[in-house]
Amino acid sequence: MTASLPTLTDYEPFRAFRADPAQWLPIARDIARGHGLACAAPHVFSTGTNLVIALDEQLILKIFPPFLRAQFVSERGALAQLYGRLRVAIPEIIAEGERDGWPYLVITRLSGVLGADAWPSLPEADKERVLAEVGETIAEVQRVPVGPLGQVEPAWDIFMRGQIEGCHARHARLGLPQKFLDGLDDDLLRDAVSLVALDEPAVILTGEYIPENFLLSRSGPGWHLAGLIDFGDVMTGRREYDLLGPSAFMTAGMPRRVRSLFEGFGYSAADINRDLKRRLMVLMLLHRASDPVRKICIEGWQEKAADLRELQDLLWPI
């Protein structure tokens, strides 16, 4: 008899459970059999948030613990809303269900090299090209009607108000240097509500256009964006929010990279002005995954910038 999935209510015990595939791989195989899917040589992915297994070369099974059901809802809704509406590939939902209170999705497996593996060694011209394609893809996703994703929680205004309230304490806890904390309340959080436009029409946001969440392929003159994966944090809100992942992890404050990203998105060099950079700075500090100390990929940025204004100029040079 196949074992049952346990009742887990927070991340720490789940992390230990996920790290021991012997406890859950038989259940994954049983789910596959229940849908008539082959699982002769499964491959367990050790990274990521949920239980993720390649059933074969064609299909992926993602199993979500009950306390992360919101990620299942976001991923299922985003894949359904976006499928067939983008030039870049995204997974297709093949099956879905629930096992012992754990929802799951079976989705197609995309071809390509994980961005996190390929990005560091890409020639600079390829990095600029990929960033332009990332910008184009962000804009294309945001042109798709929100549809049922408008009901995904949290709503933008509720999410942002919570982020604003906890912003200073969060960054103090994460070790943001005092010289940046000093200007946080007076310089940015004071005007945060207007800067993040709580009443602006919402668009689809993934929040995570980062190398871990896309696939690259080599064709023609070089490397290109081939696919997007992982839609568990999809929400709706202000469109510039999705420029922050590439800004932190990929552009490295290099003007040509920044221009490539922004021009792909639809902004000209003239649009990268002080007002835009101020909005981006506050959104970066309010981002769900914000942690500048560990995630800004500019070497020595803490010494190069004296305050938040200098930091925004470092991140988004004109």
C-alpha atoms as a PDB file:
ATOM      1  CA  MET A   1       0.000   0.000   0.000  1.00  0.00           C
ATOM      2  CA  THR A   2       1.345   3.428  -0.975  1.00  0.00           C
ATOM      3  CA  ALA A   3       2.120   5.741   1.946  1.00  0.00           C
ATOM      4  CA  SER A   4       0.199   8.948   2.520  1.00  0.00           C
ATOM      5  CA  LEU A   5       1.575  12.452   2.357  1.00  0.00           C
ATOM      6  CA  PRO A   6       1.998  13.890   5.870  1.00  0.00           C
ATOM      7  CA  THR A   7       0.164  16.782   7.461  1.00  0.00           C
ATOM      8  CA  LEU A   8       2.678  19.661   7.469  1.00  0.00           C
ATOM      9  CA  THR A   9       1.825  23.218   8.432  1.00  0.00           C
ATOM     10  CA  ASP A  10       5.064  25.172   7.974  1.00  0.00           C
ATOM     11  CA  TYR A  11       8.229  25.203   5.941  1.00  0.00           C
ATOM     12  CA  GLU A  12      10.883  23.724   8.244  1.00  0.00           C
ATOM     13  CA  PRO A  13       9.418  20.208   8.578  1.00  0.00           C
ATOM     14  CA  PHE A  14       8.511  20.337   4.891  1.00  0.00           C
ATOM     15  CA  ARG A  15      12.125  21.185   3.985  1.00  0.00           C
ATOM     16  CA  ALA A  16      13.307  18.030   5.777  1.00  0.00           C
ATOM     17  CA  PHE A  17      10.595  15.953   4.092  1.00  0.00           C
ATOM     18  CA  ARG A  18      11.458  17.312   0.633  1.00  0.00           C
ATOM     19  CA  ALA A  19      15.165  16.571   1.196  1.00  0.00           C
ATOM     20  CA  ASP A  20      14.380  12.842   1.566  1.00  0.00           C
ATOM     21  CA  PRO A  21      12.819  11.719  -1.741  1.00  0.00           C
ATOM     22  CA  ALA A  22      12.544   8.151  -0.469  1.00  0.00           C
ATOM     23  CA  GLN A  23       9.587   9.374   1.622  1.00  0.00           C
ATOM     24  CA  TRP A  24       7.624  10.856  -1.266  1.00  0.00           C
ATOM     25  CA  LEU A  25       8.914   9.439  -4.554  1.00  0.00           C
ATOM     26  CA  PRO A  26       6.660   6.345  -4.307  1.00  0.00           C
ATOM     27  CA  ILE A  27       3.687   8.681  -3.913  1.00  0.00           C
ATOM     28  CA  ALA A  28       4.770  10.691  -6.958  1.00  0.00           C
ATOM     29  CA  ARG A  29       4.997   7.462  -8.954  1.00  0.00           C
ATOM     30  CA  ASP A  30       1.527   6.488  -7.781  1.00  0.00           C
ATOM     31  CA  ILE A  31       0.099   9.848  -8.856  1.00  0.00           C
ATOM     32  CA  ALA A  32       1.653   9.348 -12.296  1.00  0.00           C
ATOM     33  CA  ARG A  33       0.190   5.844 -12.582  1.00  0.00           C
ATOM     34  CA  GLY A  34      -3.203   7.209 -11.603  1.00  0.00           C
ATOM     35  CA  HIS A  35      -3.119   9.443 -14.689  1.00  0.00           C
ATOM     36  CA  GLY A  36      -1.744   6.712 -16.936  1.00  0.00           C
ATOM     37  CA  LEU A  37       1.637   8.426 -17.209  1.00  0.00           C
ATOM     38  CA  ALA A  38       4.975   6.662 -17.466  1.00  0.00           C
ATOM     39  CA  CYS A  39       7.517   7.210 -14.712  1.00  0.00           C
ATOM     40  CA  ALA A  40      10.256   4.714 -15.510  1.00  0.00           C
ATOM     41  CA  ALA A  41      13.263   6.954 -14.804  1.00  0.00           C
ATOM     42  CA  PRO A  42      12.136   9.869 -12.606  1.00  0.00           C
ATOM     43  CA  HIS A  43      14.483  12.746 -11.869  1.00  0.00           C
ATOM     44  CA  VAL A  44      14.063  14.662  -8.607  1.00  0.00           C
ATOM     45  CA  PHE A  45      14.894  18.381  -8.691  1.00  0.00           C
ATOM     46  CA  SER A  46      16.586  19.296  -5.413  1.00  0.00           C
ATOM     47  CA  THR A  47      16.090  23.060  -5.765  1.00  0.00           C
ATOM     48  CA  GLY A  48      12.858  25.032  -5.723  1.00  0.00           C
ATOM     49  CA  THR A  49      10.086  25.397  -3.194  1.00  0.00           C
ATOM     50  CA  ASN A  50       7.792  22.429  -3.822  1.00  0.00           C
ATOM     51  CA  LEU A  51       8.207  18.741  -4.616  1.00  0.00           C
ATOM     52  CA  VAL A  52       9.260  18.704  -8.271  1.00  0.00           C
ATOM     53  CA  ILE A  53      10.016  15.585 -10.290  1.00  0.00           C
ATOM     54  CA  ALA A  54      10.566  14.935 -13.984  1.00  0.00           C
ATOM     55  CA  LEU A  55       8.474  11.889 -14.832  1.00  0.00           C
ATOM     56  CA  ASP A  56      10.399  11.529 -18.098  1.00  0.00           C
ATOM     57  CA  GLU A  57      11.832  13.817 -20.780  1.00  0.00           C
ATOM     58  CA  GLN A  58       8.396  15.237 -21.534  1.00  0.00           C
ATOM     59  CA  LEU A  59       6.541  15.830 -18.249  1.00  0.00           C
ATOM     60  CA  ILE A  60       7.032  17.433 -14.835  1.00  0.00           C
ATOM     61  CA  LEU A  61       5.032  16.711 -11.676  1.00  0.00           C
ATOM     62  CA  LYS A  62       4.804  19.496  -9.074  1.00  0.00           C
ATOM     63  CA  ILE A  63       3.292  18.678  -5.683  1.00  0.00           C
ATOM     64  CA  PHE A  64       2.463  21.589  -3.366  1.00  0.00           C
ATOM     65  CA  PRO A  65       2.220  21.241   0.429  1.00  0.00           C
ATOM     66  CA  PRO A  66      -1.144  22.408   1.823  1.00  0.00           C
ATOM     67  CA  PHE A  67       0.320  25.549   3.415  1.00  0.00           C
ATOM     68  CA  LEU A  68       1.577  26.609  -0.048  1.00  0.00           C
ATOM     69  CA  ARG A  69      -1.773  26.039  -1.770  1.00  0.00           C
ATOM     70  CA  ALA A  70      -1.708  29.702  -2.853  1.00  0.00           C
ATOM     71  CA  GLN A  71       1.277  28.870  -5.072  1.00  0.00           C
ATOM     72  CA  PHE A  72      -0.710  26.078  -6.708  1.00  0.00           C
ATOM     73  CA  VAL A  73      -3.597  28.464  -7.326  1.00  0.00           C
ATOM     74  CA  SER A  74      -1.273  31.087  -8.829  1.00  0.00           C
ATOM     75  CA  GLU A  75       0.621  28.625 -11.006  1.00  0.00           C
ATOM     76  CA  ARG A  76      -2.483  26.867 -12.317  1.00  0.00           C
ATOM     77  CA  GLY A  77      -4.244  30.178 -13.006  1.00  0.00           C
ATOM     78  CA  ALA A  78      -1.224  31.791 -14.663  1.00  0.00           C
ATOM     79  CA  LEU A  79      -0.472  28.845 -16.952  1.00  0.00           C
ATOM     80  CA  ALA A  80      -4.118  28.682 -18.020  1.00  0.00           C
ATOM     81  CA  GLN A  81      -4.350  32.432 -18.645  1.00  0.00           C
ATOM     82  CA  LEU A  82      -1.031  32.786 -20.493  1.00  0.00           C
ATOM     83  CA  TYR A  83      -0.891  29.577 -22.517  1.00  0.00           C
ATOM     84  CA  GLY A  84      -0.957  30.218 -26.261  1.00  0.00           C
ATOM     85  CA  ARG A  85      -0.691  33.990 -25.782  1.00  0.00           C
ATOM     86  CA  LEU A  86       3.101  34.379 -25.641  1.00  0.00           C
ATOM     87  CA  ARG A  87       5.870  33.968 -28.178  1.00  0.00           C
ATOM     88  CA  VAL A  88       8.122  32.374 -25.571  1.00  0.00           C
ATOM     89  CA  ALA A  89       7.309  28.841 -24.404  1.00  0.00           C
ATOM     90  CA  ILE A  90       5.620  28.148 -21.069  1.00  0.00           C
ATOM     91  CA  PRO A  91       4.492  24.791 -19.650  1.00  0.00           C
ATOM     92  CA  GLU A  92       1.107  23.356 -20.586  1.00  0.00           C
ATOM     93  CA  ILE A  93      -1.087  21.789 -17.894  1.00  0.00           C
ATOM     94  CA  ILE A  94      -1.624  18.088 -18.661  1.00  0.00           C
ATOM     95  CA  ALA A  95      -3.332  16.998 -15.441  1.00  0.00           C
ATOM     96  CA  GLU A  96      -4.122  18.261 -11.967  1.00  0.00           C
ATOM     97  CA  GLY A  97      -5.484  16.843  -8.752  1.00  0.00           C
ATOM     98  CA  GLU A  98      -5.018  16.479  -5.021  1.00  0.00           C
ATOM     99  CA  ARG A  99      -3.458  13.784  -2.855  1.00  0.00           C
ATOM    100  CA  ASP A 100      -3.947  13.779   0.932  1.00  0.00           C
ATOM    101  CA  GLY A 101      -4.706  17.521   0.817  1.00  0.00           C
ATOM    102  CA  TRP A 102      -1.614  18.278  -1.315  1.00  0.00           C
ATOM    103  CA  PRO A 103      -2.600  19.761  -4.713  1.00  0.00           C
ATOM    104  CA  TYR A 104      -0.477  18.886  -7.739  1.00  0.00           C
ATOM    105  CA  LEU A 105       0.044  19.723 -11.401  1.00  0.00           C
ATOM    106  CA  VAL A 106       1.437  17.651 -14.252  1.00  0.00           C
ATOM    107  CA  ILE A 107       2.910  20.032 -16.830  1.00  0.00           C
ATOM    108  CA  THR A 108       4.994  19.751 -19.979  1.00  0.00           C
ATOM    109  CA  ARG A 109       8.770  19.915 -19.654  1.00  0.00           C
ATOM    110  CA  LEU A 110      10.372  22.690 -21.686  1.00  0.00           C
ATOM    111  CA  SER A 111      13.603  22.319 -23.600  1.00  0.00           C
ATOM    112  CA  GLY A 112      16.595  24.558 -23.041  1.00  0.00           C
ATOM    113  CA  VAL A 113      19.359  25.299 -20.559  1.00  0.00           C
ATOM    114  CA  LEU A 114      18.418  26.714 -17.174  1.00  0.00           C
ATOM    115  CA  GLY A 115      19.307  30.395 -17.131  1.00  0.00           C
ATOM    116  CA  ALA A 116      21.117  30.072 -13.810  1.00  0.00           C
ATOM    117  CA  ASP A 117      23.520  27.574 -15.397  1.00  0.00           C
ATOM    118  CA  ALA A 118      24.105  29.434 -18.663  1.00  0.00           C
ATOM    119  CA  TRP A 119      24.003  33.121 -17.669  1.00  0.00           C
ATOM    120  CA  PRO A 120      27.400  33.497 -15.916  1.00  0.00           C
ATOM    121  CA  SER A 121      29.379  32.338 -18.967  1.00  0.00           C
ATOM    122  CA  LEU A 122      27.377  34.105 -21.692  1.00  0.00           C
ATOM    123  CA  PRO A 123      29.300  36.633 -23.827  1.00  0.00           C
ATOM    124  CA  GLU A 124      28.300  40.219 -23.075  1.00  0.00           C
ATOM    125  CA  ALA A 125      26.506  40.651 -26.404  1.00  0.00           C
ATOM    126  CA  ASP A 126      24.353  37.608 -25.607  1.00  0.00           C
ATOM    127  CA  LYS A 127      23.558  38.943 -22.145  1.00  0.00           C
ATOM    128  CA  GLU A 128      22.346  42.185 -23.668  1.00  0.00           C
ATOM    129  CA  ARG A 129      20.250  40.302 -26.223  1.00  0.00           C
ATOM    130  CA  VAL A 130      18.689  38.051 -23.577  1.00  0.00           C
ATOM    131  CA  LEU A 131      17.897  41.057 -21.375  1.00  0.00           C
ATOM    132  CA  ALA A 132      16.131  42.746 -24.302  1.00  0.00           C
ATOM    133  CA  GLU A 133      14.110  39.553 -24.813  1.00  0.00           C
ATOM    134  CA  VAL A 134      13.303  39.394 -21.092  1.00  0.00           C
ATOM    135  CA  GLY A 135      12.030  42.994 -21.274  1.00  0.00           C
ATOM    136  CA  GLU A 136       9.937  42.154 -24.344  1.00  0.00           C
ATOM    137  CA  THR A 137       8.504  39.091 -22.600  1.00  0.00           C
ATOM    138  CA  ILE A 138       7.598  41.033 -19.451  1.00  0.00           C
ATOM    139  CA  ALA A 139       5.705  43.537 -21.594  1.00  0.00           C
ATOM    140  CA  GLU A 140       4.016  40.755 -23.576  1.00  0.00           C
ATOM    141  CA  VAL A 141       2.855  38.997 -20.399  1.00  0.00           C
ATOM    142  CA  GLN A 142       1.488  42.289 -19.110  1.00  0.00           C
ATOM    143  CA  ARG A 143      -0.580  42.814 -22.270  1.00  0.00           C
ATOM    144  CA  VAL A 144      -2.500  39.591 -21.582  1.00  0.00           C
ATOM    145  CA  PRO A 145      -5.829  40.327 -19.844  1.00  0.00           C
ATOM    146  CA  VAL A 146      -5.697  39.695 -16.101  1.00  0.00           C
ATOM    147  CA  GLY A 147      -8.857  37.574 -16.196  1.00  0.00           C
ATOM    148  CA  PRO A 148      -9.344  35.249 -13.200  1.00  0.00           C
ATOM    149  CA  LEU A 149      -5.865  36.145 -11.921  1.00  0.00           C
ATOM    150  CA  GLY A 150      -7.425  39.368 -10.677  1.00  0.00           C
ATOM    151  CA  GLN A 151      -8.846  37.271  -7.830  1.00  0.00           C
ATOM    152  CA  VAL A 152      -5.467  35.869  -6.740  1.00  0.00           C
ATOM    153  CA  GLU A 153      -4.557  37.022  -3.244  1.00  0.00           C
ATOM    154  CA  PRO A 154      -3.107  39.209  -1.973  1.00  0.00           C
ATOM    155  CA  ALA A 155      -4.544  42.120  -3.924  1.00  0.00           C
ATOM    156  CA  TRP A 156      -1.904  44.706  -4.851  1.00  0.00           C
ATOM    157  CA  ASP A 157      -3.081  47.413  -2.449  1.00  0.00           C
ATOM    158  CA  ILE A 158      -3.284  45.017   0.509  1.00  0.00           C
ATOM    159  CA  PHE A 159       0.086  43.473  -0.371  1.00  0.00           C
ATOM    160  CA  MET A 160       1.822  46.848  -0.735  1.00  0.00           C
ATOM    161  CA  ARG A 161       0.401  48.295   2.475  1.00  0.00           C
ATOM    162  CA  GLY A 162       1.700  45.276   4.369  1.00  0.00           C
ATOM    163  CA  GLN A 163       5.113  45.575   2.705  1.00  0.00           C
ATOM    164  CA  ILE A 164       5.301  49.303   3.516  1.00  0.00           C
ATOM    165  CA  GLU A 165       4.406  48.678   7.155  1.00  0.00           C
ATOM    166  CA  GLY A 166       7.104  46.060   7.641  1.00  0.00           C
ATOM    167  CA  CYS A 167       9.759  47.502   5.311  1.00  0.00           C
ATOM    168  CA  HIS A 168      12.112  49.149   7.826  1.00  0.00           C
ATOM    169  CA  ALA A 169      12.068  46.222  10.236  1.00  0.00           C
ATOM    170  CA  ARG A 170      12.628  43.750   7.393  1.00  0.00           C
ATOM    171  CA  HIS A 171      15.713  45.460   6.034  1.00  0.00           C
ATOM    172  CA  ALA A 172      17.164  46.110   9.469  1.00  0.00           C
ATOM    173  CA  ARG A 173      16.808  42.387  10.189  1.00  0.00           C
ATOM    174  CA  LEU A 174      18.444  41.485   6.870  1.00  0.00           C
ATOM    175  CA  GLY A 175      21.448  43.703   7.572  1.00  0.00           C
ATOM    176  CA  LEU A 176      20.948  46.658   5.224  1.00  0.00           C
ATOM    177  CA  PRO A 177      23.670  49.161   6.228  1.00  0.00           C
ATOM    178  CA  GLN A 178      22.549  52.000   8.463  1.00  0.00           C
ATOM    179  CA  LYS A 179      23.360  54.687   5.901  1.00  0.00           C
ATOM    180  CA  PHE A 180      20.618  53.260   3.674  1.00  0.00           C
ATOM    181  CA  LEU A 181      18.192  52.667   6.544  1.00  0.00           C
ATOM    182  CA  ASP A 182      18.600  56.308   7.600  1.00  0.00           C
ATOM    183  CA  GLY A 183      16.983  57.574   4.420  1.00  0.00           C
ATOM    184  CA  LEU A 184      14.369  54.863   4.134  1.00  0.00           C
ATOM    185  CA  ASP A 185      11.562  56.380   6.199  1.00  0.00           C
ATOM    186  CA  ASP A 186      11.998  60.049   5.261  1.00  0.00           C
ATOM    187  CA  ASP A 187      13.065  59.625   1.653  1.00  0.00           C
ATOM    188  CA  LEU A 188      10.979  56.743   0.312  1.00  0.00           C
ATOM    189  CA  LEU A 189       8.416  55.229   2.655  1.00  0.00           C
ATOM    190  CA  ARG A 190       6.840  58.634   3.290  1.00  0.00           C
ATOM    191  CA  ASP A 191       5.769  58.767  -0.356  1.00  0.00           C
ATOM    192  CA  ALA A 192       5.497  55.031  -0.969  1.00  0.00           C
ATOM    193  CA  VAL A 193       1.716  54.893  -1.363  1.00  0.00           C
ATOM    194  CA  SER A 194       1.766  57.356  -4.244  1.00  0.00           C
ATOM    195  CA  LEU A 195       4.939  55.884  -5.749  1.00  0.00           C
ATOM    196  CA  VAL A 196       3.559  52.337  -5.984  1.00  0.00           C
ATOM    197  CA  ALA A 197       0.198  53.538  -7.401  1.00  0.00           C
ATOM    198  CA  LEU A 198      -2.232  51.454  -5.371  1.00  0.00           C
ATOM    199  CA  ASP A 199      -5.083  52.470  -7.671  1.00  0.00           C
ATOM    200  CA  GLU A 200      -3.299  51.947 -11.023  1.00  0.00           C
ATOM    201  CA  PRO A 201      -4.822  49.290 -13.336  1.00  0.00           C
ATOM    202  CA  ALA A 202      -3.220  45.966 -12.497  1.00  0.00           C
ATOM    203  CA  VAL A 203      -1.263  43.706 -14.859  1.00  0.00           C
ATOM    204  CA  ILE A 204       0.006  40.135 -14.515  1.00  0.00           C
ATOM    205  CA  LEU A 205       3.218  39.952 -12.485  1.00  0.00           C
ATOM    206  CA  THR A 206       5.444  36.939 -11.890  1.00  0.00           C
ATOM    207  CA  GLY A 207       7.768  38.842  -9.534  1.00  0.00           C
ATOM    208  CA  GLU A 208      10.623  36.558 -10.557  1.00  0.00           C
ATOM    209  CA  TYR A 209      12.149  37.169 -13.975  1.00  0.00           C
ATOM    210  CA  ILE A 210      15.459  35.781 -12.785  1.00  0.00           C
ATOM    211  CA  PRO A 211      17.871  33.205 -14.292  1.00  0.00           C
ATOM    212  CA  GLU A 212      16.504  30.404 -12.076  1.00  0.00           C
ATOM    213  CA  ASN A 213      13.087  30.804 -13.715  1.00  0.00           C
ATOM    214  CA  PHE A 214      13.805  30.822 -17.415  1.00  0.00           C
ATOM    215  CA  LEU A 215      15.404  28.619 -20.045  1.00  0.00           C
ATOM    216  CA  LEU A 216      17.881  29.654 -22.728  1.00  0.00           C
ATOM    217  CA  SER A 217      18.760  28.105 -26.073  1.00  0.00           C
ATOM    218  CA  ARG A 218      21.575  28.697 -28.527  1.00  0.00           C
ATOM    219  CA  SER A 219      20.511  29.436 -32.104  1.00  0.00           C
ATOM    220  CA  GLY A 220      21.483  31.785 -34.922  1.00  0.00           C
ATOM    221  CA  PRO A 221      23.921  34.404 -33.686  1.00  0.00           C
ATOM    222  CA  GLY A 222      23.914  33.298 -30.055  1.00  0.00           C
ATOM    223  CA  TRP A 223      21.822  32.668 -26.961  1.00  0.00           C
ATOM    224  CA  HIS A 224      18.122  33.527 -26.704  1.00  0.00           C
ATOM    225  CA  LEU A 225      15.304  33.328 -24.164  1.00  0.00           C
ATOM    226  CA  ALA A 226      13.540  30.017 -24.832  1.00  0.00           C
ATOM    227  CA  GLY A 227      11.035  29.507 -22.018  1.00  0.00           C
ATOM    228  CA  LEU A 228       9.605  30.633 -18.694  1.00  0.00           C
ATOM    229  CA  ILE A 229       9.004  28.339 -15.718  1.00  0.00           C
ATOM    230  CA  ASP A 230       7.711  28.667 -12.134  1.00  0.00           C
ATOM    231  CA  PHE A 231       4.566  30.772 -11.837  1.00  0.00           C
ATOM    232  CA  GLY A 232       3.852  30.084  -8.170  1.00  0.00           C
ATOM    233  CA  ASP A 233       4.256  33.720  -7.095  1.00  0.00           C
ATOM    234  CA  VAL A 234       2.085  35.280  -9.809  1.00  0.00           C
ATOM    235  CA  MET A 235      -0.063  38.182  -8.659  1.00  0.00           C
ATOM    236  CA  THR A 236      -1.352  41.383 -10.235  1.00  0.00           C
ATOM    237  CA  GLY A 237      -0.150  44.936  -9.680  1.00  0.00           C
ATOM    238  CA  ARG A 238       2.051  47.763 -10.979  1.00  0.00           C
ATOM    239  CA  ARG A 239       3.887  46.792 -14.154  1.00  0.00           C
ATOM    240  CA  GLU A 240       7.358  48.109 -13.166  1.00  0.00           C
ATOM    241  CA  TYR A 241       7.504  45.607 -10.286  1.00  0.00           C
ATOM    242  CA  ASP A 242       8.661  42.939 -12.729  1.00  0.00           C
ATOM    243  CA  LEU A 243      11.718  44.933 -13.809  1.00  0.00           C
ATOM    244  CA  LEU A 244      13.255  44.410 -10.380  1.00  0.00           C
ATOM    245  CA  GLY A 245      14.363  40.782 -10.667  1.00  0.00           C
ATOM    246  CA  PRO A 246      16.493  41.417 -13.774  1.00  0.00           C
ATOM    247  CA  SER A 247      17.709  44.707 -12.278  1.00  0.00           C
ATOM    248  CA  ALA A 248      18.998  42.973  -9.147  1.00  0.00           C
ATOM    249  CA  PHE A 249      20.300  39.719 -10.626  1.00  0.00           C
ATOM    250  CA  MET A 250      21.301  40.451 -14.219  1.00  0.00           C
ATOM    251  CA  THR A 251      21.982  44.049 -15.272  1.00  0.00           C
ATOM    252  CA  ALA A 252      24.766  44.634 -12.685  1.00  0.00           C
ATOM    253  CA  GLY A 253      24.373  48.398 -13.090  1.00  0.00           C
ATOM    254  CA  MET A 254      25.893  48.239 -16.587  1.00  0.00           C
ATOM    255  CA  PRO A 255      24.351  50.926 -18.827  1.00  0.00           C
ATOM    256  CA  ARG A 256      24.075  48.811 -21.985  1.00  0.00           C
ATOM    257  CA  ARG A 257      22.433  45.958 -20.088  1.00  0.00           C
ATOM    258  CA  VAL A 258      19.999  48.339 -18.379  1.00  0.00           C
ATOM    259  CA  ARG A 259      19.105  49.950 -21.704  1.00  0.00           C
ATOM    260  CA  SER A 260      18.599  46.543 -23.326  1.00  0.00           C
ATOM    261  CA  LEU A 261      16.165  45.461 -20.604  1.00  0.00           C
ATOM    262  CA  PHE A 262      14.239  48.729 -20.565  1.00  0.00           C
ATOM    263  CA  GLU A 263      14.083  49.152 -24.340  1.00  0.00           C
ATOM    264  CA  GLY A 264      12.781  45.597 -24.654  1.00  0.00           C
ATOM    265  CA  PHE A 265      10.149  46.508 -22.078  1.00  0.00           C
ATOM    266  CA  GLY A 266       9.211  49.582 -24.119  1.00  0.00           C
ATOM    267  CA  TYR A 267      11.022  52.375 -22.263  1.00  0.00           C
ATOM    268  CA  SER A 268      13.493  54.644 -24.015  1.00  0.00           C
ATOM    269  CA  ALA A 269      16.705  55.983 -22.482  1.00  0.00           C
ATOM    270  CA  ALA A 270      14.813  59.230 -21.812  1.00  0.00           C
ATOM    271  CA  ASP A 271      12.292  57.304 -19.693  1.00  0.00           C
ATOM    272  CA  ILE A 272      15.029  56.189 -17.287  1.00  0.00           C
ATOM    273  CA  ASN A 273      14.766  59.442 -15.364  1.00  0.00           C
ATOM    274  CA  ARG A 274      14.913  60.283 -11.680  1.00  0.00           C
ATOM    275  CA  ASP A 275      11.174  59.751 -11.143  1.00  0.00           C
ATOM    276  CA  LEU A 276      11.285  56.269 -12.642  1.00  0.00           C
ATOM    277  CA  LYS A 277      14.383  55.338 -10.666  1.00  0.00           C
ATOM    278  CA  ARG A 278      12.749  56.526  -7.446  1.00  0.00           C
ATOM    279  CA  ARG A 279       9.693  54.352  -8.144  1.00  0.00           C
ATOM    280  CA  LEU A 280      11.923  51.392  -8.922  1.00  0.00           C
ATOM    281  CA  MET A 281      13.946  51.923  -5.747  1.00  0.00           C
ATOM    282  CA  VAL A 282      10.892  51.877  -3.506  1.00  0.00           C
ATOM    283  CA  LEU A 283       9.439  48.880  -5.347  1.00  0.00           C
ATOM    284  CA  MET A 284      12.737  47.027  -4.957  1.00  0.00           C
ATOM    285  CA  LEU A 285      12.708  47.626  -1.206  1.00  0.00           C
ATOM    286  CA  LEU A 286       9.060  46.519  -1.005  1.00  0.00           C
ATOM    287  CA  HIS A 287       9.459  43.453  -3.242  1.00  0.00           C
ATOM    288  CA  ARG A 288       8.279  40.148  -1.799  1.00  0.00           C
ATOM    289  CA  ALA A 289      11.824  38.747  -1.997  1.00  0.00           C
ATOM    290  CA  SER A 290      13.696  41.999  -1.299  1.00  0.00           C
ATOM    291  CA  ASP A 291      17.149  41.478   0.194  1.00  0.00           C
ATOM    292  CA  PRO A 292      19.610  43.984  -1.339  1.00  0.00           C
ATOM    293  CA  VAL A 293      22.563  42.829   0.760  1.00  0.00           C
ATOM    294  CA  ARG A 294      22.484  39.371  -0.843  1.00  0.00           C
ATOM    295  CA  LYS A 295      20.803  39.968  -4.196  1.00  0.00           C
ATOM    296  CA  ILE A 296      22.201  43.098  -5.833  1.00  0.00           C
ATOM    297  CA  CYS A 297      24.827  41.791  -8.262  1.00  0.00           C
ATOM    298  CA  ILE A 298      27.071  44.869  -8.318  1.00  0.00           C
ATOM    299  CA  GLU A 299      30.402  44.188  -6.688  1.00  0.00           C
ATOM    300  CA  GLY A 300      31.131  46.609  -3.847  1.00  0.00           C
ATOM    301  CA  TRP A 301      27.814  48.455  -4.199  1.00  0.00           C
ATOM    302  CA  GLN A 302      27.614  49.137  -0.468  1.00  0.00           C
ATOM    303  CA  GLU A 303      30.837  51.168  -0.664  1.00  0.00           C
ATOM    304  CA  LYS A 304      30.050  52.799  -4.018  1.00  0.00           C
ATOM    305  CA  ALA A 305      26.730  54.313  -2.872  1.00  0.00           C
ATOM    306  CA  ALA A 306      26.472  56.703   0.087  1.00  0.00           C
ATOM    307  CA  ASP A 307      22.668  56.639   0.310  1.00  0.00           C
ATOM    308  CA  LEU A 308      19.543  55.373  -1.453  1.00  0.00           C
ATOM    309  CA  ARG A 309      19.658  58.096  -4.103  1.00  0.00           C
ATOM    310  CA  GLU A 310      23.166  57.103  -5.107  1.00  0.00           C
ATOM    311  CA  LEU A 311      22.152  53.443  -5.015  1.00  0.00           C
ATOM    312  CA  GLN A 312      19.318  54.006  -7.487  1.00  0.00           C
ATOM    313  CA  ASP A 313      21.733  55.795  -9.827  1.00  0.00           C
ATOM    314  CA  LEU A 314      24.113  52.845  -9.475  1.00  0.00           C
ATOM    315  CA  LEU A 315      21.395  50.323 -10.313  1.00  0.00           C
ATOM    316  CA  TRP A 316      19.834  52.255 -13.177  1.00  0.00           C
ATOM    317  CA  PRO A 317      22.456  54.535 -14.745  1.00  0.00           C
ATOM    318  CA  ILE A 318      21.230  56.968 -17.374  1.00  0.00           C
END
